[in-house]
C-alpha atoms as a PDB file:
ATOM      1  CA  MET A   1       7.216 -33.295 -37.521  1.00  0.00           C
ATOM      2  CA  LEU A   2       5.609 -30.220 -38.294  1.00  0.00           C
ATOM      3  CA  ARG A   3       7.351 -26.748 -37.829  1.00  0.00           C
ATOM      4  CA  ALA A   4       5.386 -23.607 -37.506  1.00  0.00           C
ATOM      5  CA  LYS A   5       6.866 -20.112 -37.606  1.00  0.00           C
ATOM      6  CA  ILE A   6       5.206 -17.759 -35.352  1.00  0.00           C
ATOM      7  CA  THR A   7       5.655 -13.820 -35.714  1.00  0.00           C
ATOM      8  CA  LEU A   8       4.587 -11.846 -32.907  1.00  0.00           C
ATOM      9  CA  MET A   9       3.665  -8.414 -33.387  1.00  0.00           C
ATOM     10  CA  ILE A  10       3.767  -6.135 -30.315  1.00  0.00           C
ATOM     11  CA  GLN A  11       2.197  -2.680 -30.796  1.00  0.00           C
ATOM     12  CA  PRO A  12       2.825   0.258 -28.206  1.00  0.00           C
ATOM     13  CA  SER A  13      -0.117   0.826 -25.935  1.00  0.00           C
ATOM     14  CA  GLN A  14      -2.600   3.471 -26.403  1.00  0.00           C
ATOM     15  CA  GLN A  15      -2.209   4.457 -22.838  1.00  0.00           C
ATOM     16  CA  ASN A  16       0.571   6.370 -21.493  1.00  0.00           C
ATOM     17  CA  THR A  17       3.265   3.661 -20.021  1.00  0.00           C
ATOM     18  CA  VAL A  18       3.673   4.234 -16.351  1.00  0.00           C
ATOM     19  CA  PRO A  19       7.227   4.293 -15.019  1.00  0.00           C
ATOM     20  CA  LYS A  20       7.951   2.148 -12.161  1.00  0.00           C
ATOM     21  CA  SER A  21       7.661   3.023  -8.432  1.00  0.00           C
ATOM     22  CA  ARG A  22       4.966   5.859  -8.936  1.00  0.00           C
ATOM     23  CA  ILE A  23       3.582   4.906  -5.817  1.00  0.00           C
ATOM     24  CA  HIS A  24       6.051   5.455  -2.746  1.00  0.00           C
ATOM     25  CA  CYS A  25       5.149   3.936   0.651  1.00  0.00           C
ATOM     26  CA  THR A  26       6.782   5.166   3.861  1.00  0.00           C
ATOM     27  CA  ILE A  27       6.034   3.018   6.718  1.00  0.00           C
ATOM     28  CA  GLN A  28       7.003   4.370   9.901  1.00  0.00           C
ATOM     29  CA  SER A  29       7.222   2.078  13.141  1.00  0.00           C
ATOM     30  CA  ALA A  30       8.946   1.651  16.387  1.00  0.00           C
ATOM     31  CA  LYS A  31       9.578  -1.866  15.313  1.00  0.00           C
ATOM     32  CA  ARG A  32      11.420  -2.949  12.153  1.00  0.00           C
ATOM     33  CA  SER A  33       9.519  -6.382  12.196  1.00  0.00           C
ATOM     34  CA  LEU A  34       6.067  -4.693  12.089  1.00  0.00           C
ATOM     35  CA  ALA A  35       7.177  -2.222   9.443  1.00  0.00           C
ATOM     36  CA  ARG A  36       8.190  -5.164   7.416  1.00  0.00           C
ATOM     37  CA  ASP A  37       4.973  -6.764   8.084  1.00  0.00           C
ATOM     38  CA  ILE A  38       2.953  -3.881   7.002  1.00  0.00           C
ATOM     39  CA  GLY A  39       4.945  -3.615   3.902  1.00  0.00           C
ATOM     40  CA  LYS A  40       4.344  -7.121   2.885  1.00  0.00           C
ATOM     41  CA  ILE A  41       0.531  -6.239   3.445  1.00  0.00           C
ATOM     42  CA  ALA A  42       0.868  -3.054   1.314  1.00  0.00           C
ATOM     43  CA  LYS A  43       2.426  -4.994  -1.478  1.00  0.00           C
ATOM     44  CA  ASN A  44       0.068  -7.827  -1.350  1.00  0.00           C
ATOM     45  CA  CYS A  45      -2.898  -5.144  -1.488  1.00  0.00           C
ATOM     46  CA  ALA A  46      -1.204  -3.455  -4.522  1.00  0.00           C
ATOM     47  CA  ILE A  47      -0.902  -6.528  -6.401  1.00  0.00           C
ATOM     48  CA  ASP A  48      -4.574  -7.610  -5.705  1.00  0.00           C
ATOM     49  CA  LEU A  49      -5.636  -4.351  -7.093  1.00  0.00           C
ATOM     50  CA  LYS A  50      -3.648  -4.959 -10.236  1.00  0.00           C
ATOM     51  CA  LEU A  51      -1.813  -1.537 -10.003  1.00  0.00           C
ATOM     52  CA  PRO A  52       0.280  -1.026 -12.760  1.00  0.00           C
ATOM     53  CA  ASN A  53       3.633  -0.736 -11.064  1.00  0.00           C
ATOM     54  CA  PRO A  54       5.265  -2.100  -7.861  1.00  0.00           C
ATOM     55  CA  LEU A  55       5.252  -0.156  -4.469  1.00  0.00           C
ATOM     56  CA  SER A  56       8.557   1.340  -3.601  1.00  0.00           C
ATOM     57  CA  ILE A  57       8.738   0.908   0.292  1.00  0.00           C
ATOM     58  CA  ARG A  58      10.868   2.897   2.670  1.00  0.00           C
ATOM     59  CA  GLU A  59      11.071   1.793   6.566  1.00  0.00           C
ATOM     60  CA  THR A  60      11.661   4.364   9.167  1.00  0.00           C
ATOM     61  CA  VAL A  61      11.775   4.118  12.853  1.00  0.00           C
ATOM     62  CA  GLY A  62       9.126   6.241  14.826  1.00  0.00           C
ATOM     63  CA  ARG A  63       6.964   5.928  17.737  1.00  0.00           C
ATOM     64  CA  SER A  64       3.489   4.722  16.316  1.00  0.00           C
ATOM     65  CA  PRO A  65       2.913   2.797  13.317  1.00  0.00           C
ATOM     66  CA  HIS A  66       2.032   5.246  10.262  1.00  0.00           C
ATOM     67  CA  VAL A  67       2.024   4.301   6.556  1.00  0.00           C
ATOM     68  CA  THR A  68       2.215   7.127   3.968  1.00  0.00           C
ATOM     69  CA  LEU A  69       1.557   6.787   0.400  1.00  0.00           C
ATOM     70  CA  THR A  70       3.145   9.400  -1.586  1.00  0.00           C
ATOM     71  CA  VAL A  71       1.916   9.718  -5.401  1.00  0.00           C
ATOM     72  CA  ASP A  72       2.261  12.353  -7.983  1.00  0.00           C
ATOM     73  CA  ILE A  73      -1.168  14.103  -9.048  1.00  0.00           C
ATOM     74  CA  GLU A  74      -1.406  12.751 -12.512  1.00  0.00           C
ATOM     75  CA  PHE A  75      -1.178   9.180 -11.365  1.00  0.00           C
ATOM     76  CA  ALA A  76      -3.515   9.911  -8.527  1.00  0.00           C
ATOM     77  CA  LEU A  77      -6.000  11.253 -10.945  1.00  0.00           C
ATOM     78  CA  SER A  78      -5.685   8.148 -13.558  1.00  0.00           C
ATOM     79  CA  GLN A  79      -5.365   5.437 -10.885  1.00  0.00           C
ATOM     80  CA  HIS A  80      -8.281   5.247  -8.770  1.00  0.00           C
ATOM     81  CA  ALA A  81      -7.185   2.132  -7.125  1.00  0.00           C
ATOM     82  CA  ILE A  82      -4.549   4.491  -5.198  1.00  0.00           C
ATOM     83  CA  TRP A  83      -7.612   5.070  -2.959  1.00  0.00           C
ATOM     84  CA  LYS A  84      -8.803   1.742  -2.573  1.00  0.00           C
ATOM     85  CA  LEU A  85      -4.951   0.728  -1.876  1.00  0.00           C
ATOM     86  CA  ALA A  86      -5.125   3.105   1.139  1.00  0.00           C
ATOM     87  CA  SER A  87      -8.446   1.973   2.219  1.00  0.00           C
ATOM     88  CA  ARG A  88      -7.001  -1.475   2.430  1.00  0.00           C
ATOM     89  CA  ILE A  89      -4.169  -1.165   3.976  1.00  0.00           C
ATOM     90  CA  ALA A  90      -5.826   0.830   6.742  1.00  0.00           C
ATOM     91  CA  SER A  91      -8.483  -2.028   6.988  1.00  0.00           C
ATOM     92  CA  PHE A  92      -5.836  -4.846   7.048  1.00  0.00           C
ATOM     93  CA  CYS A  93      -3.504  -2.607   9.689  1.00  0.00           C
ATOM     94  CA  PRO A  94      -6.055  -0.976  11.999  1.00  0.00           C
ATOM     95  CA  GLN A  95      -3.344  -0.067  14.431  1.00  0.00           C
ATOM     96  CA  ALA A  96      -1.387   1.885  11.974  1.00  0.00           C
ATOM     97  CA  GLY A  97      -2.521   5.400  10.836  1.00  0.00           C
ATOM     98  CA  VAL A  98      -2.708   5.623   6.822  1.00  0.00           C
ATOM     99  CA  SER A  99      -2.399   8.902   4.668  1.00  0.00           C
ATOM    100  CA  THR A 100      -1.951   9.834   0.980  1.00  0.00           C
ATOM    101  CA  HIS A 101       0.189  12.370   0.148  1.00  0.00           C
ATOM    102  CA  ILE A 102      -0.361  13.862  -3.436  1.00  0.00           C
ATOM    103  CA  VAL A 103       2.361  16.055  -4.847  1.00  0.00           C
ATOM    104  CA  PRO A 104       3.058  17.618  -8.161  1.00  0.00           C
ATOM    105  CA  LYS A 105       5.230  15.236 -10.613  1.00  0.00           C
ATOM    106  CA  ASP A 106       8.050  17.404 -10.398  1.00  0.00           C
ATOM    107  CA  GLN A 107       8.073  17.903  -6.648  1.00  0.00           C
ATOM    108  CA  LEU A 108       7.908  13.892  -6.003  1.00  0.00           C
ATOM    109  CA  PRO A 109      11.598  13.405  -5.386  1.00  0.00           C
ATOM    110  CA  SER A 110      11.945  16.206  -2.704  1.00  0.00           C
ATOM    111  CA  ALA A 111       8.617  15.088  -1.153  1.00  0.00           C
ATOM    112  CA  LEU A 112      10.309  11.661  -0.641  1.00  0.00           C
ATOM    113  CA  ASN A 113      13.238  13.147   1.360  1.00  0.00           C
ATOM    114  CA  ALA A 114      11.170  15.040   3.715  1.00  0.00           C
END
């Protein structure tokens, strides 16, 4: 029986690492079930686009279905797929309005609580 020793060297990425949940998705809908379904569609679209981090999804109760993607300006400029994500959600959920809210990085927490 042959045994081999494998050494794996991992070097830090040359690109800046992106912290988790830099894409915050707020889904407003009169029905929780519809909000959950739209959330699943949004997550699958993000995975399909190979975005570097998962969506953070918050569901709220409101009148008509609406999706708001909130991202900081640095991430929006470096990840062109964010625009594709908004477009895909809009095409898969034509009954929902979709908007993208771009904020300075230091104002992101306060923008999410608004």
